[in-house]
């Protein structure tokens, strides 16, 4: 999902879309349908997937 992200221009719109798709993938992995905030936090704890913004930011060319 973050392939070649070193060259992306990081706009709020792109980051928001990446976060949405990452949450969708995590819910699919765990078989959860809800969109409750508490469920999102629980999903993060179970999957231990880092936030996509921090991942892209760390790969950004300096």
N, C-alpha and C. Protein backbone atom coordinates (compact mmCIF):
# COMPACT_ATOMS: atom_id res chain seq x y z
N UNK A 1 0.82 -1.18 0.00
CA UNK A 1 0.00 0.00 0.00
C UNK A 1 0.87 1.26 0.00
N UNK A 2 2.04 1.18 0.56
CA UNK A 2 2.91 2.36 0.63
C UNK A 2 4.06 2.28 -0.37
N UNK A 3 3.91 1.46 -1.39
CA UNK A 3 4.97 1.31 -2.39
C UNK A 3 5.25 2.65 -3.05
N UNK A 4 6.52 2.99 -3.12
CA UNK A 4 6.99 4.21 -3.79
C UNK A 4 6.47 5.49 -3.13
N UNK A 5 6.18 5.42 -1.83
CA UNK A 5 5.62 6.59 -1.14
C UNK A 5 6.66 7.66 -0.87
N UNK A 6 7.93 7.37 -1.13
CA UNK A 6 8.98 8.37 -0.91
C UNK A 6 8.78 9.59 -1.79
N UNK A 7 8.11 9.40 -2.92
CA UNK A 7 7.94 10.49 -3.88
C UNK A 7 6.58 11.16 -3.79
N UNK A 8 5.71 10.69 -2.91
CA UNK A 8 4.38 11.26 -2.78
C UNK A 8 4.44 12.65 -2.15
N UNK A 9 3.53 13.49 -2.56
CA UNK A 9 3.33 14.76 -1.88
C UNK A 9 2.27 14.50 -0.81
N UNK A 10 2.65 14.67 0.45
CA UNK A 10 1.74 14.33 1.55
C UNK A 10 0.73 15.45 1.79
N UNK A 11 -0.47 15.21 1.32
CA UNK A 11 -1.58 16.13 1.56
C UNK A 11 -2.51 15.47 2.56
N UNK A 12 -3.28 16.28 3.26
CA UNK A 12 -4.23 15.75 4.24
C UNK A 12 -5.21 14.78 3.59
N UNK A 13 -5.59 15.07 2.37
CA UNK A 13 -6.54 14.23 1.64
C UNK A 13 -5.97 12.82 1.42
N UNK A 14 -4.72 12.73 1.02
CA UNK A 14 -4.07 11.43 0.77
C UNK A 14 -3.91 10.66 2.07
N UNK A 15 -3.47 11.34 3.12
CA UNK A 15 -3.28 10.69 4.41
C UNK A 15 -4.61 10.16 4.93
N UNK A 16 -5.66 10.94 4.79
CA UNK A 16 -6.98 10.52 5.24
C UNK A 16 -7.44 9.27 4.49
N UNK A 17 -7.25 9.26 3.18
CA UNK A 17 -7.65 8.10 2.38
C UNK A 17 -6.85 6.86 2.76
N UNK A 18 -5.57 7.02 3.03
CA UNK A 18 -4.74 5.89 3.44
C UNK A 18 -5.19 5.33 4.78
N UNK A 19 -5.54 6.22 5.72
CA UNK A 19 -6.01 5.76 7.02
C UNK A 19 -7.32 4.99 6.90
N UNK A 20 -8.21 5.47 6.04
CA UNK A 20 -9.50 4.81 5.85
C UNK A 20 -9.30 3.41 5.28
N UNK A 21 -8.49 3.28 4.26
CA UNK A 21 -8.29 1.97 3.64
C UNK A 21 -7.56 1.02 4.58
N UNK A 22 -6.63 1.54 5.38
CA UNK A 22 -5.93 0.69 6.34
C UNK A 22 -6.90 0.15 7.39
N UNK A 23 -7.79 1.02 7.91
CA UNK A 23 -8.80 0.56 8.87
C UNK A 23 -9.72 -0.47 8.25
N UNK A 24 -10.07 -0.27 6.99
CA UNK A 24 -10.93 -1.21 6.29
C UNK A 24 -10.25 -2.58 6.15
N UNK A 25 -8.98 -2.58 5.82
CA UNK A 25 -8.22 -3.83 5.69
C UNK A 25 -8.12 -4.53 7.03
N UNK A 26 -7.86 -3.76 8.09
CA UNK A 26 -7.76 -4.36 9.43
C UNK A 26 -9.08 -4.98 9.86
N UNK A 27 -10.21 -4.28 9.60
CA UNK A 27 -11.52 -4.84 9.95
C UNK A 27 -11.78 -6.12 9.18
N UNK A 28 -11.40 -6.14 7.92
CA UNK A 28 -11.58 -7.33 7.09
C UNK A 28 -10.74 -8.49 7.62
N UNK A 29 -9.51 -8.21 8.03
CA UNK A 29 -8.63 -9.25 8.56
C UNK A 29 -9.22 -9.90 9.80
N UNK A 30 -9.89 -9.11 10.64
CA UNK A 30 -10.44 -9.62 11.89
C UNK A 30 -11.92 -10.00 11.78
N UNK A 31 -12.54 -9.73 10.64
CA UNK A 31 -13.94 -10.08 10.45
C UNK A 31 -14.89 -9.19 11.23
N UNK A 32 -14.54 -7.93 11.43
CA UNK A 32 -15.35 -6.99 12.20
C UNK A 32 -16.05 -6.04 11.23
N UNK A 33 -17.34 -5.81 11.45
CA UNK A 33 -18.12 -4.95 10.55
C UNK A 33 -18.35 -3.55 11.11
N UNK A 34 -18.29 -3.36 12.41
CA UNK A 34 -18.64 -2.08 13.03
C UNK A 34 -17.64 -0.98 12.77
N UNK A 35 -18.07 0.25 12.98
CA UNK A 35 -17.20 1.41 12.81
C UNK A 35 -17.11 2.22 14.09
N UNK A 36 -17.38 1.58 15.21
CA UNK A 36 -17.34 2.25 16.50
C UNK A 36 -15.90 2.61 16.86
N UNK A 37 -15.71 3.75 17.48
CA UNK A 37 -14.36 4.23 17.84
C UNK A 37 -13.65 3.24 18.75
N UNK A 38 -14.36 2.67 19.72
CA UNK A 38 -13.75 1.70 20.63
C UNK A 38 -13.28 0.46 19.88
N UNK A 39 -14.04 0.08 18.89
CA UNK A 39 -13.65 -1.09 18.09
C UNK A 39 -12.38 -0.78 17.31
N UNK A 40 -12.25 0.45 16.80
CA UNK A 40 -11.05 0.83 16.06
C UNK A 40 -9.81 0.72 16.94
N UNK A 41 -9.92 1.19 18.18
CA UNK A 41 -8.79 1.10 19.10
C UNK A 41 -8.47 -0.36 19.42
N UNK A 42 -9.50 -1.18 19.58
CA UNK A 42 -9.30 -2.60 19.84
C UNK A 42 -8.61 -3.27 18.64
N UNK A 43 -9.03 -2.90 17.45
CA UNK A 43 -8.43 -3.46 16.23
C UNK A 43 -6.95 -3.13 16.18
N UNK A 44 -6.59 -1.87 16.48
CA UNK A 44 -5.19 -1.46 16.47
C UNK A 44 -4.37 -2.28 17.45
N UNK A 45 -4.93 -2.56 18.62
CA UNK A 45 -4.21 -3.35 19.62
C UNK A 45 -4.04 -4.79 19.17
N UNK A 46 -5.05 -5.34 18.49
CA UNK A 46 -4.97 -6.74 18.05
C UNK A 46 -4.03 -6.91 16.86
N UNK A 47 -4.12 -6.02 15.88
CA UNK A 47 -3.32 -6.18 14.67
C UNK A 47 -1.90 -5.67 14.83
N UNK A 48 -1.69 -4.70 15.72
CA UNK A 48 -0.38 -4.10 15.96
C UNK A 48 0.23 -3.50 14.69
N UNK A 49 -0.64 -3.03 13.81
CA UNK A 49 -0.21 -2.39 12.57
C UNK A 49 0.06 -0.92 12.89
N UNK A 50 1.24 -0.41 12.55
CA UNK A 50 1.54 1.00 12.84
C UNK A 50 0.67 1.93 11.98
N UNK A 51 0.49 3.13 12.46
CA UNK A 51 -0.29 4.12 11.74
C UNK A 51 0.37 4.39 10.39
N UNK A 52 -0.41 4.44 9.33
CA UNK A 52 0.12 4.59 7.98
C UNK A 52 0.83 5.93 7.81
N UNK A 53 0.37 6.98 8.48
CA UNK A 53 1.01 8.29 8.36
C UNK A 53 2.45 8.23 8.86
N UNK A 54 2.66 7.59 10.00
CA UNK A 54 4.02 7.49 10.54
C UNK A 54 4.90 6.63 9.64
N UNK A 55 4.33 5.61 9.05
CA UNK A 55 5.09 4.74 8.14
C UNK A 55 5.53 5.53 6.89
N UNK A 56 4.61 6.25 6.30
CA UNK A 56 4.93 7.02 5.09
C UNK A 56 5.91 8.13 5.43
N UNK A 57 5.70 8.78 6.57
CA UNK A 57 6.59 9.87 6.99
C UNK A 57 8.02 9.36 7.20
N UNK A 58 8.17 8.16 7.75
CA UNK A 58 9.51 7.62 7.99
C UNK A 58 10.20 7.21 6.69
N UNK A 59 9.42 6.88 5.66
CA UNK A 59 10.01 6.49 4.38
C UNK A 59 10.28 7.67 3.45
N UNK A 60 9.76 8.82 3.82
CA UNK A 60 9.91 10.02 2.98
C UNK A 60 11.38 10.38 2.82
N UNK A 61 11.76 10.74 1.61
CA UNK A 61 13.13 11.15 1.36
C UNK A 61 13.44 12.41 2.13
N UNK A 62 14.63 12.47 2.66
CA UNK A 62 15.03 13.63 3.46
C UNK A 62 15.68 14.67 2.58
